[in-house]
């Protein structure tokens, strides 16, 4: 049986996930994709002075400069032939749609997330399971420029908590820095299904 990148990274700990999350993090059948739809209670950054940087990151499809409540959201998860998992997240803000893309891969036995166009930002991830919930934190970052892979200082950390709820799943993603505190967030609920 082929395992998803999440199952390979978690190993035996996969069985500690709630049944809903086990289904979400498993590999869709061949030829099928995972589709999620929901509303995020809040998405974006409240710090207006970060907008020029976030606008550039939006162009790279990593983050975005908007900040709103009750944001419609969709996600499509696509497994690749080499065992990676691509995700496309669309946030429908008032007047504009923003897209975030990433690809999860196993690197040296660990889960790494390659964010944005051409995977320009790489994050090594630590995973843990707490009462059926998945907790994820970035522990190291690299910038990809052409063939160069440049380590970045740890100026920010990505934190995610994902759990099953009655309506489907609840996700809470935050980016925090020692000086700024929490400066980017999206959280809310969505339903998820696998189809062709």
Protein backbone atom coordinates (compact mmCIF):
# COMPACT_ATOMS: atom_id res chain seq x y z
CA UNK A 1 0.00 0.00 0.00
CA UNK A 2 1.33 3.45 -0.96
CA UNK A 3 1.57 5.95 1.90
CA UNK A 4 1.08 9.70 1.71
CA UNK A 5 3.87 12.10 2.65
CA UNK A 6 2.05 12.74 5.93
CA UNK A 7 1.81 9.04 6.76
CA UNK A 8 5.49 8.53 5.90
CA UNK A 9 6.51 11.47 8.10
CA UNK A 10 4.30 10.42 11.03
CA UNK A 11 5.04 6.69 10.83
CA UNK A 12 3.24 4.69 13.52
CA UNK A 13 1.92 7.93 15.03
CA UNK A 14 -0.60 8.18 12.15
CA UNK A 15 -2.89 5.83 14.06
CA UNK A 16 -3.13 8.42 16.87
CA UNK A 17 -4.89 10.90 14.57
CA UNK A 18 -8.66 11.22 14.81
CA UNK A 19 -10.48 9.19 12.10
CA UNK A 20 -11.37 12.34 10.14
CA UNK A 21 -7.76 13.51 10.04
CA UNK A 22 -6.51 10.03 9.16
CA UNK A 23 -8.74 10.13 6.08
CA UNK A 24 -7.62 13.68 5.22
CA UNK A 25 -3.90 12.93 5.51
CA UNK A 26 -4.04 9.62 3.65
CA UNK A 27 -3.35 9.30 -0.07
CA UNK A 28 -6.38 9.77 -2.38
CA UNK A 29 -7.06 6.86 -4.73
CA UNK A 30 -5.16 7.01 -8.03
CA UNK A 31 -6.65 9.55 -10.42
CA UNK A 32 -8.54 11.40 -7.70
CA UNK A 33 -8.00 14.71 -5.90
CA UNK A 34 -8.95 16.07 -2.51
CA UNK A 35 -11.26 19.11 -2.47
CA UNK A 36 -12.07 21.26 0.55
CA UNK A 37 -14.49 24.18 0.91
CA UNK A 38 -15.27 26.40 3.86
CA UNK A 39 -15.18 29.80 5.52
CA UNK A 40 -12.24 31.17 7.44
CA UNK A 41 -13.17 33.32 10.41
CA UNK A 42 -10.12 35.46 9.76
CA UNK A 43 -7.31 35.47 7.21
CA UNK A 44 -4.30 37.73 6.65
CA UNK A 45 -2.15 40.23 8.51
CA UNK A 46 -3.34 43.17 10.61
CA UNK A 47 0.02 44.93 10.16
CA UNK A 48 -0.47 47.46 7.36
CA UNK A 49 3.21 48.35 7.24
CA UNK A 50 3.96 44.76 6.13
CA UNK A 51 1.78 45.12 3.02
CA UNK A 52 4.62 45.83 0.54
CA UNK A 53 6.43 42.64 1.62
CA UNK A 54 3.20 40.63 1.71
CA UNK A 55 2.20 41.94 -1.74
CA UNK A 56 5.48 40.57 -3.13
CA UNK A 57 4.89 37.26 -1.34
CA UNK A 58 1.38 37.22 -2.81
CA UNK A 59 2.87 37.49 -6.30
CA UNK A 60 5.03 34.49 -5.37
CA UNK A 61 1.85 32.73 -4.08
CA UNK A 62 3.17 32.33 -0.54
CA UNK A 63 1.16 34.83 1.59
CA UNK A 64 -1.07 37.88 0.90
CA UNK A 65 -1.52 41.48 2.16
CA UNK A 66 -5.30 41.42 2.80
CA UNK A 67 -6.93 41.02 6.22
CA UNK A 68 -10.61 40.15 6.44
CA UNK A 69 -13.13 38.09 8.37
CA UNK A 70 -15.49 35.44 7.00
CA UNK A 71 -13.33 34.64 3.97
CA UNK A 72 -14.56 31.87 1.60
CA UNK A 73 -11.84 29.30 1.07
CA UNK A 74 -11.13 26.31 -1.17
CA UNK A 75 -8.26 23.84 -1.24
CA UNK A 76 -7.30 21.21 -3.82
CA UNK A 77 -4.77 18.53 -2.87
CA UNK A 78 -3.06 16.72 -5.74
CA UNK A 79 -0.73 13.74 -5.17
CA UNK A 80 2.21 13.51 -7.57
CA UNK A 81 3.75 10.48 -9.23
CA UNK A 82 6.90 10.81 -7.11
CA UNK A 83 5.00 10.75 -3.79
CA UNK A 84 4.78 14.48 -3.07
CA UNK A 85 1.52 16.33 -2.37
CA UNK A 86 0.65 19.64 -4.03
CA UNK A 87 -1.92 22.01 -2.52
CA UNK A 88 -3.63 25.04 -4.01
CA UNK A 89 -5.49 27.25 -1.53
CA UNK A 90 -7.77 30.03 -2.77
CA UNK A 91 -8.98 32.82 -0.46
CA UNK A 92 -11.89 34.88 -1.86
CA UNK A 93 -11.50 38.34 -0.36
CA UNK A 94 -13.85 41.19 -1.18
CA UNK A 95 -12.74 42.27 -4.65
CA UNK A 96 -9.77 39.91 -5.08
CA UNK A 97 -8.84 36.24 -4.98
CA UNK A 98 -5.52 35.21 -3.49
CA UNK A 99 -3.86 31.86 -4.14
CA UNK A 100 -1.27 30.06 -2.02
CA UNK A 101 0.54 27.02 -3.41
CA UNK A 102 2.88 24.54 -1.79
CA UNK A 103 4.26 21.04 -2.17
CA UNK A 104 4.97 18.63 0.68
CA UNK A 105 7.92 16.27 0.23
CA UNK A 106 9.99 13.94 2.36
CA UNK A 107 13.60 15.16 2.61
CA UNK A 108 16.07 13.02 4.55
CA UNK A 109 13.19 11.28 6.31
CA UNK A 110 11.50 14.54 7.39
CA UNK A 111 8.50 16.44 6.06
CA UNK A 112 9.46 19.62 4.19
CA UNK A 113 7.07 22.17 2.71
CA UNK A 114 8.10 23.99 -0.48
CA UNK A 115 6.00 27.15 -0.62
CA UNK A 116 5.14 29.44 -3.50
CA UNK A 117 5.95 29.44 -7.18
CA UNK A 118 8.76 27.01 -7.96
CA UNK A 119 8.95 26.12 -4.25
CA UNK A 120 11.05 29.19 -3.53
CA UNK A 121 10.69 28.97 0.27
CA UNK A 122 11.41 25.65 2.00
CA UNK A 123 10.43 24.85 5.58
CA UNK A 124 11.45 21.79 7.60
CA UNK A 125 8.50 20.76 9.77
CA UNK A 126 8.11 19.12 13.17
CA UNK A 127 4.92 17.11 13.67
CA UNK A 128 3.18 15.97 16.83
CA UNK A 129 -0.24 14.56 17.69
CA UNK A 130 -2.20 15.71 20.73
CA UNK A 131 -5.55 14.06 21.53
CA UNK A 132 -6.14 13.25 17.85
CA UNK A 133 -5.13 16.74 16.64
CA UNK A 134 -2.13 17.41 14.42
CA UNK A 135 0.32 20.08 15.54
CA UNK A 136 2.98 21.34 13.14
CA UNK A 137 5.79 23.84 13.60
CA UNK A 138 8.50 24.99 11.24
CA UNK A 139 11.99 24.57 12.65
CA UNK A 140 14.22 25.73 9.78
CA UNK A 141 13.85 27.74 6.56
CA UNK A 142 15.72 27.94 3.26
CA UNK A 143 15.43 30.27 0.28
CA UNK A 144 15.84 28.77 -3.20
CA UNK A 145 17.47 31.05 -5.77
CA UNK A 146 18.10 29.15 -8.98
CA UNK A 147 20.14 26.10 -7.96
CA UNK A 148 21.22 27.70 -4.67
CA UNK A 149 19.61 26.62 -1.36
CA UNK A 150 20.33 29.34 1.17
CA UNK A 151 19.61 28.86 4.90
CA UNK A 152 17.60 31.68 6.47
CA UNK A 153 17.79 32.91 10.04
CA UNK A 154 14.81 31.84 12.12
CA UNK A 155 13.02 35.19 12.20
CA UNK A 156 9.57 33.62 12.05
CA UNK A 157 7.92 30.29 12.77
CA UNK A 158 4.87 28.72 11.20
CA UNK A 159 2.47 26.97 13.60
CA UNK A 160 -0.51 24.86 12.58
CA UNK A 161 -3.17 23.01 14.57
CA UNK A 162 -5.65 20.87 12.66
CA UNK A 163 -8.48 18.85 14.18
CA UNK A 164 -11.74 17.13 13.31
CA UNK A 165 -14.99 18.92 14.12
CA UNK A 166 -18.65 18.08 13.48
CA UNK A 167 -18.72 19.99 10.17
CA UNK A 168 -15.42 18.53 8.92
CA UNK A 169 -12.09 20.03 9.92
CA UNK A 170 -10.82 23.07 11.75
CA UNK A 171 -7.45 24.59 10.90
CA UNK A 172 -5.53 27.30 12.74
CA UNK A 173 -2.35 28.59 11.07
CA UNK A 174 -0.24 31.36 12.60
CA UNK A 175 3.10 32.90 11.73
CA UNK A 176 4.86 34.40 14.72
CA UNK A 177 8.13 36.24 15.30
CA UNK A 178 9.92 37.15 18.53
CA UNK A 179 9.65 40.90 17.83
CA UNK A 180 6.27 41.08 16.06
CA UNK A 181 4.36 38.34 17.81
CA UNK A 182 1.60 36.90 15.63
CA UNK A 183 1.68 38.74 12.30
CA UNK A 184 -0.16 36.43 9.89
CA UNK A 185 -3.07 34.07 10.52
CA UNK A 186 -5.84 32.07 8.95
CA UNK A 187 -8.31 29.92 10.85
CA UNK A 188 -11.70 28.39 10.26
CA UNK A 189 -13.52 25.25 9.21
CA UNK A 190 -13.97 23.36 5.96
CA UNK A 191 -15.44 20.15 4.60
CA UNK A 192 -13.32 17.81 2.53
CA UNK A 193 -13.99 15.05 0.05
CA UNK A 194 -12.08 13.03 -2.53
CA UNK A 195 -13.31 12.93 -6.14
CA UNK A 196 -12.04 12.73 -9.71
